[in-house]
Amino acid sequence: MAITAKQVKELREMTGAGMMDCKKALTATEGDFDKAIEFLREKGLATAEKKAGRVAAEGLVKVIVSDDKKKAVAVEVNAETDFVAKNEKFQAYVAQVAEQAMETEAADIDAFLAETWKFDETKTVNEALAGQIAIIGENMNIRRFQQVKEDAGFVASYTHMGGKIGVLVDVATDVVNADIEEMAKNVCMQVAALNPKYTDRSEVDQDYLAKEEEILTAAAKNEKPDANDKIITGMVKGRLNKELKEICLMDQVYVKAEDGKQSVAKYVEEVAKANNAKIAIKGFVRMETGEGIEKKEEDFAAEVAAQMAGK
């Protein structure tokens, strides 16, 4: 039978589920509202939509590395509160999402959510997520995932503060031993602590560099209007170099450097030489829970005061 827009609207008002989910439920149950509601509840969709407006900025970052260390994945799954992030059910669910992401061939999060859920093939990843929202009672979101593969070496990982930050580092090397694995772990910790934006200078966008040079040149001329071009160029070069040392991993000062000066590149080179190895840090992934999500600021004292004033 044909499902009307009015039926879909009525079911949505009754359940809070999404338009497409309501249409799917009515079609599957041939327009029977009671069965459609049951259908949505079984899928966990009846309550998920109502919670979708809440900000989910807490949660976990989970990293998984294959046994041979040739492949790894990092995923971020958000919830509304840190309390839920510490819940065993939530943590177990995030681990399942990571397993799914480890095997996925999806190119983006939308394709990932549309996949069949490997732990229950009657559902999609998105439907399984909706079911978890119904069980756990908070809005949740599978925000992002990223795989790293390295056949000519290995992938190193590090998790900070129980899942607040997850890091993967792609290490190309012809030698794999305890020293080199320790080096890779230290580089992971560097990424977690100093949050670089690029692996090395070759990744920095040329348009960005040109704009920075333009800004720094204008600033230098304002500071020293009587300086010649050579002095201005030197000032700009020095300041740009300092900036790149902060945002490029290999240029950063290694956090464990005994002299307080050794760069990450020099540290990696030192370990390579000591082990007669060729080592290249090809890239990294760093995920921090809630990074870039605008959280709702709540002033409970002000809220209570406002309520009292209104009485």
C-alpha atoms as a PDB file:
ATOM      1  CA  MET A   1       0.000   0.000   0.000  1.00  0.00           C
ATOM      2  CA  ALA A   2       1.088   3.619  -0.596  1.00  0.00           C
ATOM      3  CA  ILE A   3       2.278   5.472   2.497  1.00  0.00           C
ATOM      4  CA  THR A   4       1.131   9.104   2.695  1.00  0.00           C
ATOM      5  CA  ALA A   5       3.070  12.097   3.951  1.00  0.00           C
ATOM      6  CA  LYS A   6       0.373  12.621   6.579  1.00  0.00           C
ATOM      7  CA  GLN A   7       0.944   9.111   7.982  1.00  0.00           C
ATOM      8  CA  VAL A   8       4.686   9.676   8.129  1.00  0.00           C
ATOM      9  CA  LYS A   9       4.188  13.011   9.903  1.00  0.00           C
ATOM     10  CA  GLU A  10       1.811  11.506  12.463  1.00  0.00           C
ATOM     11  CA  LEU A  11       4.181   8.642  13.254  1.00  0.00           C
ATOM     12  CA  ARG A  12       7.074  11.052  13.595  1.00  0.00           C
ATOM     13  CA  GLU A  13       5.092  13.177  16.067  1.00  0.00           C
ATOM     14  CA  MET A  14       4.244  10.068  18.054  1.00  0.00           C
ATOM     15  CA  THR A  15       7.744   8.618  18.206  1.00  0.00           C
ATOM     16  CA  GLY A  16      10.231  11.404  17.533  1.00  0.00           C
ATOM     17  CA  ALA A  17      11.926   9.250  14.898  1.00  0.00           C
ATOM     18  CA  GLY A  18      13.260  10.601  11.601  1.00  0.00           C
ATOM     19  CA  MET A  19      11.093  11.046   8.484  1.00  0.00           C
ATOM     20  CA  MET A  20      12.818   8.329   6.466  1.00  0.00           C
ATOM     21  CA  ASP A  21      12.795   5.911   9.394  1.00  0.00           C
ATOM     22  CA  CYS A  22       9.045   6.484   9.881  1.00  0.00           C
ATOM     23  CA  LYS A  23       8.376   5.888   6.195  1.00  0.00           C
ATOM     24  CA  LYS A  24      10.458   2.707   6.311  1.00  0.00           C
ATOM     25  CA  ALA A  25       8.584   1.483   9.396  1.00  0.00           C
ATOM     26  CA  LEU A  26       5.151   2.157   7.882  1.00  0.00           C
ATOM     27  CA  THR A  27       6.104   0.476   4.631  1.00  0.00           C
ATOM     28  CA  ALA A  28       7.443  -2.599   6.448  1.00  0.00           C
ATOM     29  CA  THR A  29       4.259  -2.884   8.533  1.00  0.00           C
ATOM     30  CA  GLU A  30       1.823  -1.968   5.724  1.00  0.00           C
ATOM     31  CA  GLY A  31       0.626   1.178   7.471  1.00  0.00           C
ATOM     32  CA  ASP A  32      -0.117  -0.413  10.843  1.00  0.00           C
ATOM     33  CA  PHE A  33       0.765   2.322  13.376  1.00  0.00           C
ATOM     34  CA  ASP A  34       1.089   0.015  16.390  1.00  0.00           C
ATOM     35  CA  LYS A  35       3.389  -2.340  14.533  1.00  0.00           C
ATOM     36  CA  ALA A  36       5.307   0.617  13.085  1.00  0.00           C
ATOM     37  CA  ILE A  37       5.917   1.995  16.582  1.00  0.00           C
ATOM     38  CA  GLU A  38       7.055  -1.453  17.696  1.00  0.00           C
ATOM     39  CA  PHE A  39       9.316  -1.627  14.638  1.00  0.00           C
ATOM     40  CA  LEU A  40      10.929   1.699  15.526  1.00  0.00           C
ATOM     41  CA  ARG A  41      11.323   0.781  19.180  1.00  0.00           C
ATOM     42  CA  GLU A  42      13.011  -2.492  18.276  1.00  0.00           C
ATOM     43  CA  LYS A  43      15.438  -0.558  16.091  1.00  0.00           C
ATOM     44  CA  GLY A  44      15.939   1.988  18.838  1.00  0.00           C
ATOM     45  CA  LEU A  45      14.884   4.760  16.465  1.00  0.00           C
ATOM     46  CA  ALA A  46      11.874   6.020  18.384  1.00  0.00           C
ATOM     47  CA  THR A  47      13.982   7.662  21.051  1.00  0.00           C
ATOM     48  CA  ALA A  48      17.138   8.465  19.103  1.00  0.00           C
ATOM     49  CA  GLU A  49      15.693  11.404  17.183  1.00  0.00           C
ATOM     50  CA  LYS A  50      14.441  13.102  20.344  1.00  0.00           C
ATOM     51  CA  LYS A  51      17.959  13.065  21.769  1.00  0.00           C
ATOM     52  CA  ALA A  52      19.612  14.192  18.538  1.00  0.00           C
ATOM     53  CA  GLY A  53      19.442  17.869  19.439  1.00  0.00           C
ATOM     54  CA  ARG A  54      21.609  17.462  22.500  1.00  0.00           C
ATOM     55  CA  VAL A  55      25.299  18.278  22.219  1.00  0.00           C
ATOM     56  CA  ALA A  56      27.466  15.142  22.356  1.00  0.00           C
ATOM     57  CA  ALA A  57      30.989  16.401  22.999  1.00  0.00           C
ATOM     58  CA  GLU A  58      32.288  13.843  25.475  1.00  0.00           C
ATOM     59  CA  GLY A  59      33.032  10.199  24.664  1.00  0.00           C
ATOM     60  CA  LEU A  60      36.035   8.126  23.678  1.00  0.00           C
ATOM     61  CA  VAL A  61      38.711   7.761  21.052  1.00  0.00           C
ATOM     62  CA  LYS A  62      39.521   4.094  20.458  1.00  0.00           C
ATOM     63  CA  VAL A  63      42.552   2.820  18.553  1.00  0.00           C
ATOM     64  CA  ILE A  64      43.059  -0.741  17.326  1.00  0.00           C
ATOM     65  CA  VAL A  65      46.224  -2.162  15.768  1.00  0.00           C
ATOM     66  CA  SER A  66      46.365  -5.484  13.896  1.00  0.00           C
ATOM     67  CA  ASP A  67      48.497  -8.314  15.293  1.00  0.00           C
ATOM     68  CA  ASP A  68      51.160  -7.775  12.619  1.00  0.00           C
ATOM     69  CA  LYS A  69      51.028  -3.987  13.238  1.00  0.00           C
ATOM     70  CA  LYS A  70      50.592  -3.346   9.522  1.00  0.00           C
ATOM     71  CA  LYS A  71      47.148  -1.806   9.886  1.00  0.00           C
ATOM     72  CA  ALA A  72      45.388   0.310  12.481  1.00  0.00           C
ATOM     73  CA  VAL A  73      42.324   2.464  12.962  1.00  0.00           C
ATOM     74  CA  ALA A  74      41.260   5.300  15.220  1.00  0.00           C
ATOM     75  CA  VAL A  75      37.594   6.158  15.868  1.00  0.00           C
ATOM     76  CA  GLU A  76      35.837   8.827  17.884  1.00  0.00           C
ATOM     77  CA  VAL A  77      32.418   8.119  19.362  1.00  0.00           C
ATOM     78  CA  ASN A  78      30.737  10.912  21.291  1.00  0.00           C
ATOM     79  CA  ALA A  79      28.240  10.988  24.130  1.00  0.00           C
ATOM     80  CA  GLU A  80      26.796  13.854  26.152  1.00  0.00           C
ATOM     81  CA  THR A  81      28.556  13.264  29.466  1.00  0.00           C
ATOM     82  CA  ASP A  82      31.875  12.037  30.761  1.00  0.00           C
ATOM     83  CA  PHE A  83      29.904   9.757  33.093  1.00  0.00           C
ATOM     84  CA  VAL A  84      28.599   7.755  30.136  1.00  0.00           C
ATOM     85  CA  ALA A  85      32.076   7.731  28.550  1.00  0.00           C
ATOM     86  CA  LYS A  86      33.234   5.757  31.599  1.00  0.00           C
ATOM     87  CA  ASN A  87      30.321   3.320  31.355  1.00  0.00           C
ATOM     88  CA  GLU A  88      31.323  -0.271  30.467  1.00  0.00           C
ATOM     89  CA  LYS A  89      28.449  -0.676  27.995  1.00  0.00           C
ATOM     90  CA  PHE A  90      29.491   2.463  26.138  1.00  0.00           C
ATOM     91  CA  GLN A  91      33.140   1.396  26.098  1.00  0.00           C
ATOM     92  CA  ALA A  92      32.207  -2.056  24.782  1.00  0.00           C
ATOM     93  CA  TYR A  93      30.112  -0.449  22.040  1.00  0.00           C
ATOM     94  CA  VAL A  94      32.968   1.885  21.028  1.00  0.00           C
ATOM     95  CA  ALA A  95      35.259  -1.153  20.790  1.00  0.00           C
ATOM     96  CA  GLN A  96      32.756  -2.737  18.375  1.00  0.00           C
ATOM     97  CA  VAL A  97      32.650   0.455  16.286  1.00  0.00           C
ATOM     98  CA  ALA A  98      36.449   0.333  16.080  1.00  0.00           C
ATOM     99  CA  GLU A  99      36.323  -3.300  14.910  1.00  0.00           C
ATOM    100  CA  GLN A 100      33.824  -2.314  12.212  1.00  0.00           C
ATOM    101  CA  ALA A 101      36.012   0.631  11.172  1.00  0.00           C
ATOM    102  CA  MET A 102      39.081  -1.605  11.008  1.00  0.00           C
ATOM    103  CA  GLU A 103      37.434  -3.648   8.236  1.00  0.00           C
ATOM    104  CA  THR A 104      35.410  -0.969   6.450  1.00  0.00           C
ATOM    105  CA  GLU A 105      36.039   0.178   2.906  1.00  0.00           C
ATOM    106  CA  ALA A 106      33.803   3.217   3.372  1.00  0.00           C
ATOM    107  CA  ALA A 107      35.291   6.469   2.140  1.00  0.00           C
ATOM    108  CA  ASP A 108      33.424   8.709   4.590  1.00  0.00           C
ATOM    109  CA  ILE A 109      31.296   8.626   7.718  1.00  0.00           C
ATOM    110  CA  ASP A 110      27.980   8.625   5.820  1.00  0.00           C
ATOM    111  CA  ALA A 111      28.963   5.503   3.879  1.00  0.00           C
ATOM    112  CA  PHE A 112      30.198   3.929   7.103  1.00  0.00           C
ATOM    113  CA  LEU A 113      26.874   4.556   8.880  1.00  0.00           C
ATOM    114  CA  ALA A 114      24.996   2.996   5.960  1.00  0.00           C
ATOM    115  CA  GLU A 115      26.983  -0.258   6.150  1.00  0.00           C
ATOM    116  CA  THR A 116      25.631  -3.495   7.568  1.00  0.00           C
ATOM    117  CA  TRP A 117      26.506  -3.762  11.267  1.00  0.00           C
ATOM    118  CA  LYS A 118      28.838  -6.759  11.564  1.00  0.00           C
ATOM    119  CA  PHE A 119      27.510  -7.683  15.013  1.00  0.00           C
ATOM    120  CA  ASP A 120      23.868  -7.829  13.853  1.00  0.00           C
ATOM    121  CA  GLU A 121      23.423  -8.091  10.099  1.00  0.00           C
ATOM    122  CA  THR A 122      19.731  -7.155  10.318  1.00  0.00           C
ATOM    123  CA  LYS A 123      20.810  -3.577  11.103  1.00  0.00           C
ATOM    124  CA  THR A 124      22.940  -0.866   9.605  1.00  0.00           C
ATOM    125  CA  VAL A 125      25.685   0.807  11.639  1.00  0.00           C
ATOM    126  CA  ASN A 126      23.349   3.794  12.069  1.00  0.00           C
ATOM    127  CA  GLU A 127      20.468   1.623  13.286  1.00  0.00           C
ATOM    128  CA  ALA A 128      22.771  -0.089  15.778  1.00  0.00           C
ATOM    129  CA  LEU A 129      23.843   3.353  16.988  1.00  0.00           C
ATOM    130  CA  ALA A 130      20.210   4.344  17.459  1.00  0.00           C
ATOM    131  CA  GLY A 131      19.683   1.191  19.512  1.00  0.00           C
ATOM    132  CA  GLN A 132      22.586   2.151  21.766  1.00  0.00           C
ATOM    133  CA  ILE A 133      21.131   5.637  22.230  1.00  0.00           C
ATOM    134  CA  ALA A 134      17.918   4.033  23.447  1.00  0.00           C
ATOM    135  CA  ILE A 135      19.797   1.734  25.846  1.00  0.00           C
ATOM    136  CA  ILE A 136      22.283   4.246  27.226  1.00  0.00           C
ATOM    137  CA  GLY A 137      19.882   7.180  27.321  1.00  0.00           C
ATOM    138  CA  GLU A 138      22.085   9.912  25.854  1.00  0.00           C
ATOM    139  CA  ASN A 139      22.615  11.333  22.408  1.00  0.00           C
ATOM    140  CA  MET A 140      25.591   9.613  20.780  1.00  0.00           C
ATOM    141  CA  ASN A 141      27.475  10.132  17.563  1.00  0.00           C
ATOM    142  CA  ILE A 142      30.054   8.181  15.564  1.00  0.00           C
ATOM    143  CA  ARG A 143      31.980  11.266  14.574  1.00  0.00           C
ATOM    144  CA  ARG A 144      34.976  10.052  12.581  1.00  0.00           C
ATOM    145  CA  PHE A 145      37.357   7.206  11.808  1.00  0.00           C
ATOM    146  CA  GLN A 146      40.698   6.908  10.048  1.00  0.00           C
ATOM    147  CA  GLN A 147      42.683   3.874   8.980  1.00  0.00           C
ATOM    148  CA  VAL A 148      46.469   3.729   8.648  1.00  0.00           C
ATOM    149  CA  LYS A 149      48.271   1.005   6.677  1.00  0.00           C
ATOM    150  CA  GLU A 150      52.021   0.433   6.416  1.00  0.00           C
ATOM    151  CA  ASP A 151      53.402  -2.636   4.633  1.00  0.00           C
ATOM    152  CA  ALA A 152      57.040  -1.480   4.768  1.00  0.00           C
ATOM    153  CA  GLY A 153      57.199  -1.043   8.522  1.00  0.00           C
ATOM    154  CA  PHE A 154      54.511  -0.787  11.209  1.00  0.00           C
ATOM    155  CA  VAL A 155      51.890   1.422  12.823  1.00  0.00           C
ATOM    156  CA  ALA A 156      52.486   2.588  16.393  1.00  0.00           C
ATOM    157  CA  SER A 157      49.710   3.694  18.741  1.00  0.00           C
ATOM    158  CA  TYR A 158      49.145   5.543  21.981  1.00  0.00           C
ATOM    159  CA  THR A 159      46.049   6.316  24.036  1.00  0.00           C
ATOM    160  CA  HIS A 160      46.092   9.136  26.569  1.00  0.00           C
ATOM    161  CA  MET A 161      43.845   9.599  29.618  1.00  0.00           C
ATOM    162  CA  GLY A 162      41.810   6.470  28.985  1.00  0.00           C
ATOM    163  CA  GLY A 163      40.654   7.524  25.542  1.00  0.00           C
ATOM    164  CA  LYS A 164      40.586  11.324  25.640  1.00  0.00           C
ATOM    165  CA  ILE A 165      43.301  11.342  22.966  1.00  0.00           C
ATOM    166  CA  GLY A 166      44.237   8.597  20.517  1.00  0.00           C
ATOM    167  CA  VAL A 167      47.303   8.646  18.266  1.00  0.00           C
ATOM    168  CA  LEU A 168      48.564   6.499  15.388  1.00  0.00           C
ATOM    169  CA  VAL A 169      51.992   6.978  13.790  1.00  0.00           C
ATOM    170  CA  ASP A 170      52.986   5.495  10.431  1.00  0.00           C
ATOM    171  CA  VAL A 171      56.586   4.239  10.603  1.00  0.00           C
ATOM    172  CA  ALA A 172      58.371   3.042   7.468  1.00  0.00           C
ATOM    173  CA  THR A 173      61.464   1.050   8.453  1.00  0.00           C
ATOM    174  CA  ASP A 174      63.605  -1.865   7.320  1.00  0.00           C
ATOM    175  CA  VAL A 175      64.305  -2.890  10.920  1.00  0.00           C
ATOM    176  CA  VAL A 176      61.731  -3.572  13.642  1.00  0.00           C
ATOM    177  CA  ASN A 177      62.988  -4.169  17.157  1.00  0.00           C
ATOM    178  CA  ALA A 178      62.321  -3.024  20.723  1.00  0.00           C
ATOM    179  CA  ASP A 179      64.388   0.163  20.367  1.00  0.00           C
ATOM    180  CA  ILE A 180      62.578   1.269  17.226  1.00  0.00           C
ATOM    181  CA  GLU A 181      59.173   0.393  18.673  1.00  0.00           C
ATOM    182  CA  GLU A 182      60.023   2.457  21.761  1.00  0.00           C
ATOM    183  CA  MET A 183      61.030   5.358  19.503  1.00  0.00           C
ATOM    184  CA  ALA A 184      57.699   5.102  17.695  1.00  0.00           C
ATOM    185  CA  LYS A 185      55.809   5.094  21.013  1.00  0.00           C
ATOM    186  CA  ASN A 186      57.709   8.214  22.069  1.00  0.00           C
ATOM    187  CA  VAL A 187      56.787   9.934  18.813  1.00  0.00           C
ATOM    188  CA  CYS A 188      53.133   9.005  19.467  1.00  0.00           C
ATOM    189  CA  MET A 189      53.384  10.633  22.893  1.00  0.00           C
ATOM    190  CA  GLN A 190      54.941  13.708  21.259  1.00  0.00           C
ATOM    191  CA  VAL A 191      51.948  13.974  18.922  1.00  0.00           C
ATOM    192  CA  ALA A 192      49.523  13.601  21.841  1.00  0.00           C
ATOM    193  CA  ALA A 193      51.289  16.246  23.940  1.00  0.00           C
ATOM    194  CA  LEU A 194      52.232  18.922  21.378  1.00  0.00           C
ATOM    195  CA  ASN A 195      49.432  18.472  18.828  1.00  0.00           C
ATOM    196  CA  PRO A 196      51.356  19.178  15.583  1.00  0.00           C
ATOM    197  CA  LYS A 197      49.360  20.027  12.475  1.00  0.00           C
ATOM    198  CA  TYR A 198      51.723  18.494   9.913  1.00  0.00           C
ATOM    199  CA  THR A 199      54.294  15.691   9.770  1.00  0.00           C
ATOM    200  CA  ASP A 200      56.930  17.868   8.094  1.00  0.00           C
ATOM    201  CA  ARG A 201      57.233  21.053   6.071  1.00  0.00           C
ATOM    202  CA  SER A 202      56.435  19.312   2.786  1.00  0.00           C
ATOM    203  CA  GLU A 203      52.814  18.961   3.946  1.00  0.00           C
ATOM    204  CA  VAL A 204      52.332  22.662   4.680  1.00  0.00           C
ATOM    205  CA  ASP A 205      50.070  24.364   2.162  1.00  0.00           C
ATOM    206  CA  GLN A 206      51.976  26.820  -0.041  1.00  0.00           C
ATOM    207  CA  ASP A 207      49.112  29.309  -0.008  1.00  0.00           C
ATOM    208  CA  TYR A 208      49.232  29.265   3.789  1.00  0.00           C
ATOM    209  CA  LEU A 209      52.989  29.942   3.737  1.00  0.00           C
ATOM    210  CA  ALA A 210      52.564  32.799   1.271  1.00  0.00           C
ATOM    211  CA  LYS A 211      49.853  34.380   3.412  1.00  0.00           C
ATOM    212  CA  GLU A 212      51.945  34.022   6.567  1.00  0.00           C
ATOM    213  CA  GLU A 213      54.926  35.638   4.853  1.00  0.00           C
ATOM    214  CA  GLU A 214      52.693  38.506   3.763  1.00  0.00           C
ATOM    215  CA  ILE A 215      51.371  39.024   7.310  1.00  0.00           C
ATOM    216  CA  LEU A 216      54.786  38.712   8.945  1.00  0.00           C
ATOM    217  CA  THR A 217      56.346  41.081   6.407  1.00  0.00           C
ATOM    218  CA  ALA A 218      53.725  43.737   7.123  1.00  0.00           C
ATOM    219  CA  ALA A 219      54.237  43.281  10.877  1.00  0.00           C
ATOM    220  CA  ALA A 220      58.028  43.527  10.550  1.00  0.00           C
ATOM    221  CA  LYS A 221      57.792  46.734   8.488  1.00  0.00           C
ATOM    222  CA  ASN A 222      55.473  48.265  11.082  1.00  0.00           C
ATOM    223  CA  GLU A 223      57.966  47.391  13.814  1.00  0.00           C
ATOM    224  CA  LYS A 224      60.998  48.648  11.907  1.00  0.00           C
ATOM    225  CA  PRO A 225      59.836  51.076   9.215  1.00  0.00           C
ATOM    226  CA  ASP A 226      63.416  52.219   8.508  1.00  0.00           C
ATOM    227  CA  ALA A 227      64.867  48.712   8.075  1.00  0.00           C
ATOM    228  CA  ASN A 228      66.118  47.601   4.661  1.00  0.00           C
ATOM    229  CA  ASP A 229      64.730  44.605   2.750  1.00  0.00           C
ATOM    230  CA  LYS A 230      67.521  42.302   3.939  1.00  0.00           C
ATOM    231  CA  ILE A 231      66.672  42.926   7.592  1.00  0.00           C
ATOM    232  CA  ILE A 232      62.940  42.559   6.984  1.00  0.00           C
ATOM    233  CA  THR A 233      63.501  39.293   5.075  1.00  0.00           C
ATOM    234  CA  GLY A 234      65.627  37.976   7.931  1.00  0.00           C
ATOM    235  CA  MET A 235      62.962  38.862  10.499  1.00  0.00           C
ATOM    236  CA  VAL A 236      60.234  37.164   8.463  1.00  0.00           C
ATOM    237  CA  LYS A 237      62.330  34.057   7.840  1.00  0.00           C
ATOM    238  CA  GLY A 238      63.149  33.712  11.534  1.00  0.00           C
ATOM    239  CA  ARG A 239      59.552  34.119  12.665  1.00  0.00           C
ATOM    240  CA  LEU A 240      58.181  31.775  10.023  1.00  0.00           C
ATOM    241  CA  ASN A 241      60.797  29.187  10.923  1.00  0.00           C
ATOM    242  CA  LYS A 242      59.786  29.432  14.588  1.00  0.00           C
ATOM    243  CA  GLU A 243      56.134  28.929  13.665  1.00  0.00           C
ATOM    244  CA  LEU A 244      56.911  25.884  11.517  1.00  0.00           C
ATOM    245  CA  LYS A 245      58.892  24.355  14.387  1.00  0.00           C
ATOM    246  CA  GLU A 246      55.727  24.471  16.454  1.00  0.00           C
ATOM    247  CA  ILE A 247      53.293  23.030  13.914  1.00  0.00           C
ATOM    248  CA  CYS A 248      55.474  20.439  12.112  1.00  0.00           C
ATOM    249  CA  LEU A 249      56.102  17.227  14.059  1.00  0.00           C
ATOM    250  CA  MET A 250      59.594  16.539  12.734  1.00  0.00           C
ATOM    251  CA  ASP A 251      60.685  20.129  13.444  1.00  0.00           C
ATOM    252  CA  GLN A 252      59.343  20.211  16.983  1.00  0.00           C
ATOM    253  CA  VAL A 253      61.750  20.001  19.915  1.00  0.00           C
ATOM    254  CA  TYR A 254      61.591  16.405  21.144  1.00  0.00           C
ATOM    255  CA  VAL A 255      59.831  16.479  24.540  1.00  0.00           C
ATOM    256  CA  LYS A 256      62.386  14.121  26.114  1.00  0.00           C
ATOM    257  CA  ALA A 257      65.438  15.853  24.601  1.00  0.00           C
ATOM    258  CA  GLU A 258      68.148  15.985  27.248  1.00  0.00           C
ATOM    259  CA  ASP A 259      69.558  19.214  25.861  1.00  0.00           C
ATOM    260  CA  GLY A 260      66.138  20.766  25.375  1.00  0.00           C
ATOM    261  CA  LYS A 261      67.006  21.435  21.726  1.00  0.00           C
ATOM    262  CA  GLN A 262      67.042  18.116  19.826  1.00  0.00           C
ATOM    263  CA  SER A 263      64.301  17.955  17.200  1.00  0.00           C
ATOM    264  CA  VAL A 264      62.070  14.942  16.629  1.00  0.00           C
ATOM    265  CA  ALA A 265      63.789  14.464  13.246  1.00  0.00           C
ATOM    266  CA  LYS A 266      67.203  14.317  14.939  1.00  0.00           C
ATOM    267  CA  TYR A 267      65.882  11.911  17.567  1.00  0.00           C
ATOM    268  CA  VAL A 268      64.521   9.538  14.905  1.00  0.00           C
ATOM    269  CA  GLU A 269      67.801   9.845  12.974  1.00  0.00           C
ATOM    270  CA  GLU A 270      69.767   8.996  16.126  1.00  0.00           C
ATOM    271  CA  VAL A 271      67.707   5.841  16.761  1.00  0.00           C
ATOM    272  CA  ALA A 272      68.024   4.807  13.107  1.00  0.00           C
ATOM    273  CA  LYS A 273      71.799   5.167  13.214  1.00  0.00           C
ATOM    274  CA  ALA A 274      72.086   3.219  16.488  1.00  0.00           C
ATOM    275  CA  ASN A 275      70.108   0.334  14.967  1.00  0.00           C
ATOM    276  CA  ASN A 276      71.609   0.474  11.459  1.00  0.00           C
ATOM    277  CA  ALA A 277      68.118   1.121  10.102  1.00  0.00           C
ATOM    278  CA  LYS A 278      66.342   3.343   7.609  1.00  0.00           C
ATOM    279  CA  ILE A 279      63.398   5.034   9.330  1.00  0.00           C
ATOM    280  CA  ALA A 280      60.842   7.513   8.034  1.00  0.00           C
ATOM    281  CA  ILE A 281      57.849   8.906   9.925  1.00  0.00           C
ATOM    282  CA  LYS A 282      55.352   9.027   7.068  1.00  0.00           C
ATOM    283  CA  GLY A 283      52.379  10.461   8.891  1.00  0.00           C
ATOM    284  CA  PHE A 284      50.183  10.455  11.966  1.00  0.00           C
ATOM    285  CA  VAL A 285      46.588  10.565  13.146  1.00  0.00           C
ATOM    286  CA  ARG A 286      45.627  12.440  16.295  1.00  0.00           C
ATOM    287  CA  MET A 287      42.056  12.444  17.591  1.00  0.00           C
ATOM    288  CA  GLU A 288      40.961  14.288  20.713  1.00  0.00           C
ATOM    289  CA  THR A 289      37.500  13.734  22.130  1.00  0.00           C
ATOM    290  CA  GLY A 290      35.169  16.630  21.402  1.00  0.00           C
ATOM    291  CA  GLU A 291      37.838  18.582  19.520  1.00  0.00           C
ATOM    292  CA  GLY A 292      36.178  21.424  17.626  1.00  0.00           C
ATOM    293  CA  ILE A 293      32.693  20.728  18.991  1.00  0.00           C
ATOM    294  CA  GLU A 294      31.080  23.751  20.571  1.00  0.00           C
ATOM    295  CA  LYS A 295      30.005  22.705  24.043  1.00  0.00           C
ATOM    296  CA  LYS A 296      27.076  24.272  25.826  1.00  0.00           C
ATOM    297  CA  GLU A 297      28.328  26.293  28.770  1.00  0.00           C
ATOM    298  CA  GLU A 298      26.054  25.901  31.777  1.00  0.00           C
ATOM    299  CA  ASP A 299      26.159  28.274  34.749  1.00  0.00           C
ATOM    300  CA  PHE A 300      24.177  26.357  37.359  1.00  0.00           C
ATOM    301  CA  ALA A 301      24.481  29.129  39.961  1.00  0.00           C
ATOM    302  CA  ALA A 302      22.998  31.659  37.543  1.00  0.00           C
ATOM    303  CA  GLU A 303      20.281  29.183  36.563  1.00  0.00           C
ATOM    304  CA  VAL A 304      19.245  28.625  40.201  1.00  0.00           C
ATOM    305  CA  ALA A 305      19.320  32.375  40.865  1.00  0.00           C
ATOM    306  CA  ALA A 306      17.084  33.002  37.847  1.00  0.00           C
ATOM    307  CA  GLN A 307      14.620  30.359  39.004  1.00  0.00           C
ATOM    308  CA  MET A 308      14.497  31.852  42.507  1.00  0.00           C
ATOM    309  CA  ALA A 309      13.961  35.341  41.119  1.00  0.00           C
ATOM    310  CA  GLY A 310      11.057  34.066  39.068  1.00  0.00           C
ATOM    311  CA  LYS A 311       9.193  32.728  42.082  1.00  0.00           C
END
